[in-house]
């Protein structure tokens, strides 16, 4: 063999090795209930907690595919799924998301953690974002479906579901005094088994009402007016009476802001003046 032919054969070896290299196996899905530990975002920490009456406004963003291919609750992630990510809610959870600019509403299942940006409250899969008409980060209202979220949590984290049809079932027999005919009530095991569905949600949207669309920054909610006034003076906000209850009677609000970039800049400013946990809302 000539030196030229030998060199050509050596050059082919890496290509042949690449052709025979085994592909990485797809990650194995293992759906489960997930709360998780505190995690660090781009500007601070998030503390997951179980909540079933969640309702708030803020900015939504488009979700990126998780590096592992699996969401935080062990589900296989798909760009075409009606799913999303939330910073603190238990996973999975069912929420409705309304685009406050056009009124469109989608129903999604939260399966992942994120977004890391504290200026965004939820990340939607590409399909859900498309159905909402989102081309950029968008003002939204997020409302949790309490019953559906509780059912998922009960089915995934509580005691195993009992096979009701295997348990003793009583019956009541009614006998007519006139013709001796009888009728049995109960003991219908075919209708006794209940289950919780964690399957894909329908790929659809509904039309609701748009608005509101004013962008503000909540700099904090306080029990005392003096503390609220101190933050307002330091960070350039306004003290307003709050409606949160539980002793928190005053909130400090910045805005309204003309666009998302201005709201983001105001949120950054609250960190510079020593305020943690501020967030963007829509009113």
Foldseek 3Di string as FASTA:
>chain_A
DDPVVVVVVVVCVVVVVVVPDDDDDQDDFDAFKDQDQWDAFPQGIFGADEDQFDKFKAKEFADDQDPNCAAPRRHRDDLQFFEKAFAHYIPFFWKWKAFQVFQKIDIGTYGHHDDRDQQHGMHTRNLNCVQNVDPGITIIMIGTDRVLRVQVCCPHPNDHDDLVLPDDKDKDKDADPPPRDIDIDIPPSVPPDDDRDPDTDDSHMDGGHHDDAFKKKWQDFALDPVVQVVLCVQLVWDWDFDDPDPSRGIITMGDRDDDPVRNVVSVVSSVVSPGPDMYMGGD
